[in-house]
C-alpha atoms as a PDB file:
ATOM      1  CA  PRO A   1     -22.354  98.244   3.803  1.00  0.00           C
ATOM      2  CA  GLU A   2     -25.978  97.072   3.813  1.00  0.00           C
ATOM      3  CA  GLY A   3     -24.882  93.491   4.372  1.00  0.00           C
ATOM      4  CA  THR A   4     -22.545  94.579   7.154  1.00  0.00           C
ATOM      5  CA  ILE A   5     -25.309  96.307   9.079  1.00  0.00           C
ATOM      6  CA  VAL A   6     -27.810  93.491   8.541  1.00  0.00           C
ATOM      7  CA  HIS A   7     -25.221  90.938   9.672  1.00  0.00           C
ATOM      8  CA  ALA A   8     -24.321  93.015  12.736  1.00  0.00           C
ATOM      9  CA  VAL A   9     -27.973  93.310  13.790  1.00  0.00           C
ATOM     10  CA  ASN A  10     -28.602  89.608  13.204  1.00  0.00           C
ATOM     11  CA  LEU A  11     -25.833  88.725  15.664  1.00  0.00           C
ATOM     12  CA  GLY A  12     -28.314  89.463  18.439  1.00  0.00           C
ATOM     13  CA  GLY A  13     -27.707  91.087  21.771  1.00  0.00           C
ATOM     14  CA  ASP A  14     -28.224  94.831  21.970  1.00  0.00           C
ATOM     15  CA  THR A  15     -29.238  95.010  18.301  1.00  0.00           C
ATOM     16  CA  ASP A  16     -30.264  98.668  18.141  1.00  0.00           C
ATOM     17  CA  THR A  17     -26.908  99.793  19.520  1.00  0.00           C
ATOM     18  CA  ILE A  18     -24.950  97.342  17.381  1.00  0.00           C
ATOM     19  CA  GLY A  19     -26.868  98.437  14.288  1.00  0.00           C
ATOM     20  CA  SER A  20     -26.296 102.102  15.122  1.00  0.00           C
ATOM     21  CA  MET A  21     -22.574 101.591  15.572  1.00  0.00           C
ATOM     22  CA  ALA A  22     -22.246  99.542  12.384  1.00  0.00           C
ATOM     23  CA  GLY A  23     -24.307 102.138  10.492  1.00  0.00           C
ATOM     24  CA  ALA A  24     -22.210 104.999  11.831  1.00  0.00           C
ATOM     25  CA  LEU A  25     -19.012 103.287  10.755  1.00  0.00           C
ATOM     26  CA  CYS A  26     -20.412 102.500   7.298  1.00  0.00           C
ATOM     27  CA  GLY A  27     -21.644 106.077   6.961  1.00  0.00           C
ATOM     28  CA  ALA A  28     -18.271 107.477   7.972  1.00  0.00           C
ATOM     29  CA  LEU A  29     -16.544 105.275   5.427  1.00  0.00           C
ATOM     30  CA  HIS A  30     -19.004 105.431   2.514  1.00  0.00           C
ATOM     31  CA  GLY A  31     -20.990 108.641   3.002  1.00  0.00           C
ATOM     32  CA  TYR A  32     -24.600 109.057   4.029  1.00  0.00           C
ATOM     33  CA  SER A  33     -26.566 108.237   0.896  1.00  0.00           C
ATOM     34  CA  SER A  34     -24.494 106.442  -1.705  1.00  0.00           C
ATOM     35  CA  TRP A  35     -25.066 102.980  -0.256  1.00  0.00           C
ATOM     36  CA  MET A  36     -28.162 103.168   1.936  1.00  0.00           C
ATOM     37  CA  PRO A  37     -31.197 101.513   0.316  1.00  0.00           C
ATOM     38  CA  ALA A  38     -34.168 103.825  -0.290  1.00  0.00           C
ATOM     39  CA  ARG A  39     -36.468 101.325   1.442  1.00  0.00           C
ATOM     40  CA  TRP A  40     -34.660 102.057   4.707  1.00  0.00           C
ATOM     41  CA  TRP A  41     -35.643 105.721   4.398  1.00  0.00           C
ATOM     42  CA  ALA A  42     -39.227 105.161   3.284  1.00  0.00           C
ATOM     43  CA  ASP A  43     -40.669 104.260   6.695  1.00  0.00           C
ATOM     44  CA  ILE A  44     -38.882 106.888   8.771  1.00  0.00           C
ATOM     45  CA  GLU A  45     -41.443 109.397  10.025  1.00  0.00           C
ATOM     46  CA  ASP A  46     -41.173 112.912   8.661  1.00  0.00           C
ATOM     47  CA  ASP A  47     -44.318 114.620   9.951  1.00  0.00           C
ATOM     48  CA  THR A  48     -42.683 116.080  13.066  1.00  0.00           C
ATOM     49  CA  PRO A  49     -40.073 118.835  13.413  1.00  0.00           C
ATOM     50  CA  TYR A  50     -37.442 116.199  14.286  1.00  0.00           C
ATOM     51  CA  GLY A  51     -38.231 113.573  11.642  1.00  0.00           C
ATOM     52  CA  ARG A  52     -36.296 112.224   8.668  1.00  0.00           C
ATOM     53  CA  THR A  53     -35.611 115.625   7.050  1.00  0.00           C
ATOM     54  CA  TYR A  54     -34.205 117.019  10.283  1.00  0.00           C
ATOM     55  CA  ALA A  55     -32.015 113.933  10.801  1.00  0.00           C
ATOM     56  CA  VAL A  56     -30.644 114.121   7.248  1.00  0.00           C
ATOM     57  CA  GLU A  57     -29.878 117.849   7.491  1.00  0.00           C
ATOM     58  CA  LEU A  58     -28.221 117.378  10.874  1.00  0.00           C
ATOM     59  CA  GLY A  59     -26.152 114.523   9.482  1.00  0.00           C
ATOM     60  CA  LYS A  60     -25.022 116.698   6.556  1.00  0.00           C
ATOM     61  CA  LYS A  61     -23.976 119.463   8.961  1.00  0.00           C
ATOM     62  CA  LEU A  62     -22.046 117.013  11.127  1.00  0.00           C
ATOM     63  CA  ALA A  63     -20.360 115.506   8.083  1.00  0.00           C
ATOM     64  CA  SER A  64     -19.215 118.938   6.913  1.00  0.00           C
ATOM     65  CA  LEU A  65     -17.479 119.821  10.191  1.00  0.00           C
ATOM     66  CA  ASP A  66     -13.703 119.997  10.173  1.00  0.00           C
ATOM     67  CA  LEU A  67     -12.906 118.462  13.549  1.00  0.00           C
ATOM     68  CA  ARG A  68      -9.135 118.554  13.192  1.00  0.00           C
ATOM     69  CA  ASN A  69      -8.907 121.963  14.850  1.00  0.00           C
ATOM     70  CA  VAL A  70     -11.365 121.047  17.584  1.00  0.00           C
ATOM     71  CA  ILE A  71      -9.388 117.950  18.499  1.00  0.00           C
ATOM     72  CA  ILE A  72      -6.098 119.861  18.569  1.00  0.00           C
ATOM     73  CA  THR A  73      -7.646 122.706  20.616  1.00  0.00           C
ATOM     74  CA  ASN A  74      -9.118 120.283  23.147  1.00  0.00           C
ATOM     75  CA  LYS A  75      -5.815 118.388  23.374  1.00  0.00           C
ATOM     76  CA  LYS A  76      -3.956 121.616  24.208  1.00  0.00           C
ATOM     77  CA  LYS A  77      -6.597 122.533  26.798  1.00  0.00           C
ATOM     78  CA  ASP A  78      -6.404 119.062  28.363  1.00  0.00           C
ATOM     79  CA  ASP A  79      -2.607 119.343  28.554  1.00  0.00           C
ATOM     80  CA  GLU A  80      -2.873 122.766  30.229  1.00  0.00           C
ATOM     81  CA  ASP A  81      -5.455 121.472  32.715  1.00  0.00           C
ATOM     82  CA  GLU A  82      -3.223 118.516  33.517  1.00  0.00           C
ATOM     83  CA  GLU A  83      -0.289 120.839  34.229  1.00  0.00           C
ATOM     84  CA  LYS A  84      -2.433 122.932  36.592  1.00  0.00           C
ATOM     85  CA  GLU A  85      -3.634 119.828  38.454  1.00  0.00           C
ATOM     86  CA  GLY A  86      -0.038 118.821  39.108  1.00  0.00           C
ATOM     87  CA  GLU A  87       0.727 122.022  41.030  1.00  0.00           C
ATOM     88  CA  GLY A  88      -0.285 122.725  44.584  1.00  0.00           C
ATOM     89  CA  VAL A  89       0.755 123.536  48.119  1.00  0.00           C
ATOM     90  CA  ARG A  90       2.465 120.817  50.108  1.00  0.00           C
ATOM     91  CA  ASP A  91       1.963 120.040  53.797  1.00  0.00           C
ATOM     92  CA  ASP A  92       5.128 121.973  54.683  1.00  0.00           C
ATOM     93  CA  GLY A  93       3.681 125.202  53.230  1.00  0.00           C
ATOM     94  CA  LYS A  94       5.865 125.157  50.128  1.00  0.00           C
ATOM     95  CA  GLU A  95       4.540 124.900  46.613  1.00  0.00           C
ATOM     96  CA  GLY A  96       5.450 121.843  44.657  1.00  0.00           C
ATOM     97  CA  ASP A  97       4.396 119.605  41.831  1.00  0.00           C
ATOM     98  CA  ARG A  98       4.114 115.871  41.253  1.00  0.00           C
ATOM     99  CA  ASN A  99       7.716 115.714  40.127  1.00  0.00           C
ATOM    100  CA  GLY A 100       8.927 116.740  43.569  1.00  0.00           C
ATOM    101  CA  GLU A 101      10.134 120.175  42.522  1.00  0.00           C
ATOM    102  CA  VAL A 102       9.713 122.547  45.465  1.00  0.00           C
ATOM    103  CA  ARG A 103       9.725 126.332  45.642  1.00  0.00           C
ATOM    104  CA  ASP A 104       8.791 128.807  48.374  1.00  0.00           C
ATOM    105  CA  ALA A 105       5.087 129.695  48.483  1.00  0.00           C
END
């Protein structure tokens, strides 16, 4: 993972974004601390309320979330919203949907 991130950053371009994306993928695959060199942590500031300790604790909380239910819930909500968007009143005063089904208003 370390080599992957270093290589990604050394490709050039928008290096902070590329490094962040490569780091996020490595972290998702390998966990947050088992592969990251201690020297990468050493220089991260920790004398503010939102320093290294805050970032680590936030990362642990995010990693512990079970997003399967959130994704399913949002999918159902999106499907319901899509159904509502497809209904409406036509120019002839009758209600209808995108499929052409018509009923009296």
